[in-house]
Amino acid sequence: MRPSLSVMIAAAGLWSMAVDNSATARSLLSLLALLMAKWSEPAARAAIPSGMSQNA
């Protein structure tokens, strides 16, 4: 659920930046990018070992 949510947030951020190219849109997009990085990294690290253990 987190990856799809991150994709939607990124799409909304890029769309808002394209519509309104302002400092606010750019700062919000960078903040969302940081949040996506913090969310996706632990999720990926947690998913890889569990997937390997399930396959093995």
C-alpha atoms as a PDB file:
ATOM      1  CA  MET A   1       0.000   0.000   0.000  1.00  0.00           C
ATOM      2  CA  ARG A   2       2.859   2.369   0.731  1.00  0.00           C
ATOM      3  CA  PRO A   3       4.448   2.187  -2.744  1.00  0.00           C
ATOM      4  CA  SER A   4       1.164   2.947  -4.503  1.00  0.00           C
ATOM      5  CA  LEU A   5       0.511   5.776  -2.034  1.00  0.00           C
ATOM      6  CA  SER A   6       3.982   7.144  -2.704  1.00  0.00           C
ATOM      7  CA  VAL A   7       3.352   6.986  -6.441  1.00  0.00           C
ATOM      8  CA  MET A   8       0.092   8.907  -6.054  1.00  0.00           C
ATOM      9  CA  ILE A   9       1.772  11.510  -3.831  1.00  0.00           C
ATOM     10  CA  ALA A  10       4.611  11.914  -6.331  1.00  0.00           C
ATOM     11  CA  ALA A  11       2.157  12.252  -9.213  1.00  0.00           C
ATOM     12  CA  ALA A  12       0.151  14.869  -7.300  1.00  0.00           C
ATOM     13  CA  GLY A  13       3.335  16.756  -6.461  1.00  0.00           C
ATOM     14  CA  LEU A  14       4.581  16.732 -10.050  1.00  0.00           C
ATOM     15  CA  TRP A  15       1.149  17.797 -11.314  1.00  0.00           C
ATOM     16  CA  SER A  16       0.912  20.667  -8.829  1.00  0.00           C
ATOM     17  CA  MET A  17       4.448  21.771  -9.743  1.00  0.00           C
ATOM     18  CA  ALA A  18       3.586  21.683 -13.455  1.00  0.00           C
ATOM     19  CA  VAL A  19       0.390  23.688 -12.898  1.00  0.00           C
ATOM     20  CA  ASP A  20       1.837  26.185 -10.407  1.00  0.00           C
ATOM     21  CA  ASN A  21       5.611  26.514 -10.741  1.00  0.00           C
ATOM     22  CA  SER A  22       6.152  28.308  -7.448  1.00  0.00           C
ATOM     23  CA  ALA A  23       8.525  28.049  -4.502  1.00  0.00           C
ATOM     24  CA  THR A  24       5.728  26.505  -2.419  1.00  0.00           C
ATOM     25  CA  ALA A  25       5.087  23.732  -4.951  1.00  0.00           C
ATOM     26  CA  ARG A  26       8.808  23.015  -5.216  1.00  0.00           C
ATOM     27  CA  SER A  27       9.278  22.878  -1.439  1.00  0.00           C
ATOM     28  CA  LEU A  28       6.252  20.596  -1.033  1.00  0.00           C
ATOM     29  CA  LEU A  29       7.561  18.319  -3.773  1.00  0.00           C
ATOM     30  CA  SER A  30      10.982  18.074  -2.135  1.00  0.00           C
ATOM     31  CA  LEU A  31       9.344  17.342   1.230  1.00  0.00           C
ATOM     32  CA  LEU A  32       7.206  14.608  -0.349  1.00  0.00           C
ATOM     33  CA  ALA A  33      10.310  13.170  -2.020  1.00  0.00           C
ATOM     34  CA  LEU A  34      12.053  12.976   1.355  1.00  0.00           C
ATOM     35  CA  LEU A  35       9.012  11.293   2.905  1.00  0.00           C
ATOM     36  CA  MET A  36       8.864   8.809   0.018  1.00  0.00           C
ATOM     37  CA  ALA A  37      12.536   7.957   0.507  1.00  0.00           C
ATOM     38  CA  LYS A  38      12.020   7.379   4.239  1.00  0.00           C
ATOM     39  CA  TRP A  39       8.958   5.205   3.591  1.00  0.00           C
ATOM     40  CA  SER A  40      10.278   3.178   0.652  1.00  0.00           C
ATOM     41  CA  GLU A  41      13.720   2.294   2.032  1.00  0.00           C
ATOM     42  CA  PRO A  42      12.546   0.476   5.220  1.00  0.00           C
ATOM     43  CA  ALA A  43       9.743  -1.183   3.243  1.00  0.00           C
ATOM     44  CA  ALA A  44      12.214  -2.465   0.651  1.00  0.00           C
ATOM     45  CA  ARG A  45      14.662  -3.639   3.305  1.00  0.00           C
ATOM     46  CA  ALA A  46      11.857  -5.446   5.156  1.00  0.00           C
ATOM     47  CA  ALA A  47      10.413  -6.985   1.971  1.00  0.00           C
ATOM     48  CA  ILE A  48      13.649  -8.371   0.524  1.00  0.00           C
ATOM     49  CA  PRO A  49      14.678 -10.670   3.442  1.00  0.00           C
ATOM     50  CA  SER A  50      11.103 -11.858   4.028  1.00  0.00           C
ATOM     51  CA  GLY A  51      10.701 -12.638   0.314  1.00  0.00           C
ATOM     52  CA  MET A  52      13.987 -14.548   0.284  1.00  0.00           C
ATOM     53  CA  SER A  53      13.067 -16.564   3.380  1.00  0.00           C
ATOM     54  CA  GLN A  54       9.649 -17.414   1.920  1.00  0.00           C
ATOM     55  CA  ASN A  55      11.173 -18.519  -1.394  1.00  0.00           C
ATOM     56  CA  ALA A  56      13.858 -20.556   0.386  1.00  0.00           C
END
